[in-house]
Amino acid sequence: MPHLRFRGLARDTVKQVSKTLVDTLAPLAGSPKEHFTLEFIPAEFVQQGQAVNGYPFVEVLWFERPLEVQDKVAAAITEALRARVGEGLDIGVVFTRLEGRNYYENGSHFG
């Protein structure tokens, strides 16, 4: 489990980042590499009826960890993406805390 959803990026960028990002995040998050899921979600950004350029946005769904861990994970994601997209774009990272009692795998919950 952590599950990372990437929007506002090219598929190839997510593929390239996936090669090393999990290696960086696993020890920070205290999760085995094989528990990570990375998802590419094509997105179109719209403002006032017009398609506009978006920005990289990563949603991290996971079981709660201390704020210090979350800060390190956000920094690592931002650094990995910054190397690919340059300095001109904001990079958003948002964390969604999952509760074990609401997360089921094969019909059984974790809480």
N, C-alpha and C. Protein backbone atom coordinates (compact mmCIF):
# COMPACT_ATOMS: atom_id res chain seq x y z
N MET A 1 0.85 -1.15 0.00
CA MET A 1 0.00 0.00 0.00
C MET A 1 0.88 1.19 0.00
N PRO A 2 1.52 2.03 -0.19
CA PRO A 2 0.96 3.28 -0.71
C PRO A 2 0.58 3.22 -2.19
N HIS A 3 -0.43 3.96 -2.52
CA HIS A 3 -0.91 4.05 -3.90
C HIS A 3 -0.71 5.48 -4.37
N LEU A 4 0.06 5.65 -5.44
CA LEU A 4 0.34 6.99 -5.97
C LEU A 4 -0.36 7.16 -7.30
N ARG A 5 -1.14 8.22 -7.42
CA ARG A 5 -1.86 8.55 -8.65
C ARG A 5 -1.25 9.81 -9.24
N PHE A 6 -0.81 9.71 -10.49
CA PHE A 6 -0.14 10.82 -11.16
C PHE A 6 -1.07 11.43 -12.21
N ARG A 7 -1.21 12.75 -12.17
CA ARG A 7 -1.98 13.50 -13.16
C ARG A 7 -1.13 14.66 -13.66
N GLY A 8 -1.47 15.19 -14.82
CA GLY A 8 -0.78 16.36 -15.34
C GLY A 8 0.62 16.08 -15.82
N LEU A 9 0.89 14.83 -16.11
CA LEU A 9 2.21 14.41 -16.60
C LEU A 9 2.03 13.51 -17.81
N ALA A 10 3.05 13.43 -18.63
CA ALA A 10 3.04 12.49 -19.74
C ALA A 10 3.23 11.06 -19.21
N ARG A 11 2.62 10.11 -19.87
CA ARG A 11 2.76 8.70 -19.49
C ARG A 11 4.24 8.31 -19.40
N ASP A 12 5.03 8.73 -20.38
CA ASP A 12 6.45 8.38 -20.38
C ASP A 12 7.19 8.95 -19.18
N THR A 13 6.78 10.13 -18.73
CA THR A 13 7.41 10.72 -17.54
C THR A 13 7.13 9.85 -16.32
N VAL A 14 5.89 9.43 -16.16
CA VAL A 14 5.54 8.56 -15.03
C VAL A 14 6.29 7.25 -15.12
N LYS A 15 6.41 6.70 -16.31
CA LYS A 15 7.15 5.44 -16.49
C LYS A 15 8.62 5.62 -16.09
N GLN A 16 9.22 6.72 -16.50
CA GLN A 16 10.63 6.96 -16.16
C GLN A 16 10.80 7.15 -14.66
N VAL A 17 9.94 7.94 -14.05
CA VAL A 17 10.03 8.19 -12.61
C VAL A 17 9.83 6.90 -11.82
N SER A 18 8.98 6.03 -12.33
CA SER A 18 8.67 4.78 -11.61
C SER A 18 9.89 3.88 -11.44
N LYS A 19 10.89 4.06 -12.29
CA LYS A 19 12.07 3.20 -12.23
C LYS A 19 12.87 3.38 -10.94
N THR A 20 12.85 4.59 -10.37
CA THR A 20 13.67 4.83 -9.18
C THR A 20 12.87 5.37 -7.99
N LEU A 21 11.70 5.93 -8.24
CA LEU A 21 10.96 6.58 -7.16
C LEU A 21 10.61 5.62 -6.03
N VAL A 22 10.13 4.44 -6.35
CA VAL A 22 9.75 3.49 -5.30
C VAL A 22 10.97 3.08 -4.48
N ASP A 23 12.13 2.95 -5.11
CA ASP A 23 13.35 2.64 -4.36
C ASP A 23 13.64 3.72 -3.32
N THR A 24 13.34 4.96 -3.66
CA THR A 24 13.55 6.08 -2.74
C THR A 24 12.48 6.11 -1.65
N LEU A 25 11.22 5.88 -2.04
CA LEU A 25 10.11 6.03 -1.11
C LEU A 25 9.96 4.88 -0.12
N ALA A 26 10.30 3.67 -0.53
CA ALA A 26 10.07 2.50 0.33
C ALA A 26 10.69 2.64 1.72
N PRO A 27 11.97 2.98 1.83
CA PRO A 27 12.52 3.12 3.18
C PRO A 27 11.94 4.31 3.94
N LEU A 28 11.58 5.38 3.24
CA LEU A 28 10.99 6.54 3.91
C LEU A 28 9.63 6.20 4.50
N ALA A 29 8.83 5.47 3.73
CA ALA A 29 7.47 5.13 4.14
C ALA A 29 7.41 3.89 5.02
N GLY A 30 8.49 3.14 5.08
CA GLY A 30 8.49 1.91 5.86
C GLY A 30 7.63 0.83 5.24
N SER A 31 7.58 0.80 3.92
CA SER A 31 6.80 -0.20 3.19
C SER A 31 7.69 -0.93 2.20
N PRO A 32 7.47 -2.23 2.04
CA PRO A 32 8.22 -2.95 1.00
C PRO A 32 7.90 -2.39 -0.38
N LYS A 33 8.88 -2.43 -1.26
CA LYS A 33 8.69 -1.92 -2.63
C LYS A 33 7.51 -2.56 -3.33
N GLU A 34 7.30 -3.84 -3.10
CA GLU A 34 6.23 -4.54 -3.80
C GLU A 34 4.84 -4.13 -3.32
N HIS A 35 4.75 -3.35 -2.24
CA HIS A 35 3.45 -2.88 -1.76
C HIS A 35 3.02 -1.56 -2.41
N PHE A 36 3.90 -0.94 -3.19
CA PHE A 36 3.58 0.32 -3.85
C PHE A 36 2.82 0.07 -5.15
N THR A 37 1.88 0.95 -5.43
CA THR A 37 1.17 0.95 -6.70
C THR A 37 1.29 2.36 -7.27
N LEU A 38 1.71 2.45 -8.53
CA LEU A 38 1.77 3.73 -9.22
C LEU A 38 0.77 3.70 -10.36
N GLU A 39 -0.02 4.75 -10.46
CA GLU A 39 -1.09 4.81 -11.45
C GLU A 39 -0.96 6.09 -12.27
N PHE A 40 -0.99 5.96 -13.57
CA PHE A 40 -1.00 7.11 -14.48
C PHE A 40 -2.44 7.41 -14.84
N ILE A 41 -2.88 8.65 -14.60
CA ILE A 41 -4.24 9.05 -14.91
C ILE A 41 -4.18 10.22 -15.89
N PRO A 42 -4.57 10.00 -17.15
CA PRO A 42 -4.61 11.12 -18.09
C PRO A 42 -5.61 12.16 -17.59
N ALA A 43 -5.25 13.42 -17.69
CA ALA A 43 -6.12 14.48 -17.19
C ALA A 43 -6.10 15.66 -18.15
N GLU A 44 -7.23 16.33 -18.23
CA GLU A 44 -7.32 17.57 -18.99
C GLU A 44 -7.75 18.65 -18.03
N PHE A 45 -7.00 19.73 -17.99
CA PHE A 45 -7.29 20.84 -17.10
C PHE A 45 -8.11 21.88 -17.84
N VAL A 46 -9.12 22.44 -17.17
CA VAL A 46 -10.04 23.36 -17.81
C VAL A 46 -10.25 24.56 -16.89
N GLN A 47 -10.23 25.76 -17.48
CA GLN A 47 -10.57 26.98 -16.75
C GLN A 47 -11.43 27.86 -17.65
N GLN A 48 -12.52 28.32 -17.12
CA GLN A 48 -13.43 29.23 -17.83
C GLN A 48 -13.76 28.74 -19.23
N GLY A 49 -14.07 27.47 -19.33
CA GLY A 49 -14.50 26.90 -20.60
C GLY A 49 -13.41 26.58 -21.59
N GLN A 50 -12.15 26.72 -21.19
CA GLN A 50 -11.04 26.48 -22.09
C GLN A 50 -10.08 25.42 -21.51
N ALA A 51 -9.56 24.58 -22.38
CA ALA A 51 -8.51 23.65 -21.96
C ALA A 51 -7.24 24.47 -21.72
N VAL A 52 -6.59 24.20 -20.60
CA VAL A 52 -5.37 24.92 -20.24
C VAL A 52 -4.29 23.91 -19.85
N ASN A 53 -3.05 24.39 -19.87
CA ASN A 53 -1.97 23.53 -19.40
C ASN A 53 -2.12 23.32 -17.90
N GLY A 54 -1.95 22.11 -17.48
CA GLY A 54 -2.04 21.79 -16.07
C GLY A 54 -0.67 21.78 -15.43
N TYR A 55 -0.60 21.14 -14.31
CA TYR A 55 0.66 21.00 -13.60
C TYR A 55 0.70 19.61 -12.99
N PRO A 56 1.88 19.12 -12.70
CA PRO A 56 1.98 17.78 -12.10
C PRO A 56 1.28 17.74 -10.75
N PHE A 57 0.49 16.71 -10.56
CA PHE A 57 -0.28 16.53 -9.33
C PHE A 57 -0.22 15.07 -8.96
N VAL A 58 0.23 14.80 -7.75
CA VAL A 58 0.36 13.42 -7.27
C VAL A 58 -0.49 13.26 -6.02
N GLU A 59 -1.37 12.29 -6.05
CA GLU A 59 -2.18 11.95 -4.89
C GLU A 59 -1.60 10.67 -4.28
N VAL A 60 -1.33 10.71 -3.00
CA VAL A 60 -0.78 9.57 -2.27
C VAL A 60 -1.86 9.06 -1.33
N LEU A 61 -2.33 7.84 -1.57
CA LEU A 61 -3.29 7.21 -0.67
C LEU A 61 -2.51 6.21 0.17
N TRP A 62 -2.62 6.33 1.50
CA TRP A 62 -1.86 5.44 2.37
C TRP A 62 -2.42 5.44 3.77
N PHE A 63 -1.94 4.47 4.57
CA PHE A 63 -2.26 4.47 5.99
C PHE A 63 -1.40 5.54 6.64
N GLU A 64 -1.96 6.21 7.61
CA GLU A 64 -1.31 7.38 8.21
C GLU A 64 0.09 7.07 8.71
N ARG A 65 0.96 8.04 8.50
CA ARG A 65 2.33 8.03 9.00
C ARG A 65 2.59 9.37 9.66
N PRO A 66 3.66 9.47 10.45
CA PRO A 66 3.97 10.76 11.09
C PRO A 66 4.21 11.85 10.05
N LEU A 67 3.94 13.09 10.44
CA LEU A 67 4.10 14.23 9.55
C LEU A 67 5.51 14.33 9.01
N GLU A 68 6.51 13.99 9.80
CA GLU A 68 7.90 14.05 9.35
C GLU A 68 8.12 13.09 8.17
N VAL A 69 7.51 11.93 8.23
CA VAL A 69 7.61 10.95 7.13
C VAL A 69 6.89 11.50 5.90
N GLN A 70 5.71 12.04 6.11
CA GLN A 70 4.93 12.60 5.00
C GLN A 70 5.72 13.72 4.33
N ASP A 71 6.35 14.58 5.12
CA ASP A 71 7.16 15.67 4.56
C ASP A 71 8.29 15.13 3.69
N LYS A 72 8.95 14.08 4.15
CA LYS A 72 10.07 13.50 3.39
C LYS A 72 9.58 12.86 2.09
N VAL A 73 8.45 12.18 2.16
CA VAL A 73 7.89 11.55 0.96
C VAL A 73 7.48 12.62 -0.05
N ALA A 74 6.83 13.68 0.41
CA ALA A 74 6.43 14.77 -0.49
C ALA A 74 7.66 15.40 -1.15
N ALA A 75 8.71 15.61 -0.38
CA ALA A 75 9.94 16.20 -0.92
C ALA A 75 10.58 15.28 -1.95
N ALA A 76 10.59 13.98 -1.69
CA ALA A 76 11.19 13.02 -2.62
C ALA A 76 10.40 12.96 -3.94
N ILE A 77 9.08 12.97 -3.85
CA ILE A 77 8.24 12.97 -5.05
C ILE A 77 8.49 14.24 -5.85
N THR A 78 8.49 15.38 -5.16
CA THR A 78 8.72 16.66 -5.83
C THR A 78 10.08 16.70 -6.50
N GLU A 79 11.10 16.23 -5.83
CA GLU A 79 12.45 16.22 -6.39
C GLU A 79 12.52 15.34 -7.63
N ALA A 80 11.91 14.16 -7.56
CA ALA A 80 11.94 13.24 -8.70
C ALA A 80 11.23 13.85 -9.92
N LEU A 81 10.12 14.52 -9.68
CA LEU A 81 9.39 15.14 -10.79
C LEU A 81 10.07 16.40 -11.29
N ARG A 82 10.63 17.17 -10.37
CA ARG A 82 11.30 18.42 -10.76
C ARG A 82 12.41 18.13 -11.77
N ALA A 83 13.12 17.03 -11.58
CA ALA A 83 14.19 16.66 -12.50
C ALA A 83 13.65 16.40 -13.91
N ARG A 84 12.36 16.07 -14.03
CA ARG A 84 11.76 15.76 -15.33
C ARG A 84 11.02 16.93 -15.96
N VAL A 85 10.41 17.79 -15.12
CA VAL A 85 9.55 18.84 -15.67
C VAL A 85 10.17 20.23 -15.59
N GLY A 86 11.29 20.37 -14.92
CA GLY A 86 11.96 21.66 -14.82
C GLY A 86 11.42 22.52 -13.70
N GLU A 87 11.91 23.74 -13.65
CA GLU A 87 11.60 24.65 -12.55
C GLU A 87 10.32 25.46 -12.76
N GLY A 88 9.80 25.50 -13.97
CA GLY A 88 8.71 26.42 -14.28
C GLY A 88 7.33 26.03 -13.81
N LEU A 89 7.14 24.81 -13.35
CA LEU A 89 5.81 24.35 -12.96
C LEU A 89 5.73 24.10 -11.46
N ASP A 90 4.56 24.40 -10.90
CA ASP A 90 4.28 23.96 -9.54
C ASP A 90 4.07 22.45 -9.58
N ILE A 91 4.39 21.78 -8.50
CA ILE A 91 4.16 20.34 -8.38
C ILE A 91 3.33 20.15 -7.12
N GLY A 92 2.14 19.61 -7.29
CA GLY A 92 1.26 19.37 -6.15
C GLY A 92 1.34 17.93 -5.68
N VAL A 93 1.41 17.74 -4.37
CA VAL A 93 1.37 16.41 -3.76
C VAL A 93 0.34 16.49 -2.64
N VAL A 94 -0.63 15.61 -2.66
CA VAL A 94 -1.66 15.59 -1.62
C VAL A 94 -1.75 14.19 -1.05
N PHE A 95 -1.94 14.10 0.26
CA PHE A 95 -2.02 12.81 0.94
C PHE A 95 -3.45 12.56 1.40
N THR A 96 -3.93 11.37 1.12
CA THR A 96 -5.23 10.92 1.59
C THR A 96 -4.99 9.76 2.54
N ARG A 97 -5.42 9.95 3.79
CA ARG A 97 -5.21 8.92 4.80
C ARG A 97 -6.31 7.86 4.70
N LEU A 98 -5.89 6.63 4.60
CA LEU A 98 -6.83 5.51 4.58
C LEU A 98 -6.87 4.89 5.97
N GLU A 99 -8.01 4.37 6.34
CA GLU A 99 -8.14 3.66 7.61
C GLU A 99 -8.25 2.17 7.32
N GLY A 100 -7.54 1.39 8.09
CA GLY A 100 -7.52 -0.06 7.88
C GLY A 100 -8.90 -0.69 7.86
N ARG A 101 -9.79 -0.19 8.69
CA ARG A 101 -11.14 -0.77 8.75
C ARG A 101 -11.93 -0.50 7.47
N ASN A 102 -11.49 0.48 6.66
CA ASN A 102 -12.18 0.81 5.41
C ASN A 102 -11.44 0.34 4.18
N TYR A 103 -10.32 -0.35 4.37
CA TYR A 103 -9.51 -0.82 3.25
C TYR A 103 -9.57 -2.36 3.24
N TYR A 104 -10.07 -2.91 2.16
CA TYR A 104 -10.23 -4.35 2.05
C TYR A 104 -9.31 -4.90 0.96
N GLU A 105 -8.75 -6.04 1.23
CA GLU A 105 -7.98 -6.76 0.24
C GLU A 105 -8.46 -8.21 0.30
N ASN A 106 -8.95 -8.70 -0.82
CA ASN A 106 -9.49 -10.06 -0.91
C ASN A 106 -10.61 -10.28 0.10
N GLY A 107 -11.42 -9.26 0.32
CA GLY A 107 -12.59 -9.38 1.18
C GLY A 107 -12.33 -9.17 2.66
N SER A 108 -11.09 -8.92 3.07
CA SER A 108 -10.78 -8.72 4.48
C SER A 108 -10.20 -7.33 4.68
N HIS A 109 -10.62 -6.68 5.76
CA HIS A 109 -10.09 -5.35 6.04
C HIS A 109 -8.84 -5.43 6.91
N PHE A 110 -8.12 -4.32 6.97
CA PHE A 110 -6.85 -4.26 7.68
C PHE A 110 -7.00 -3.78 9.11
N GLY A 111 -8.20 -3.43 9.56
CA GLY A 111 -8.32 -2.82 10.87
C GLY A 111 -9.11 -3.53 11.82
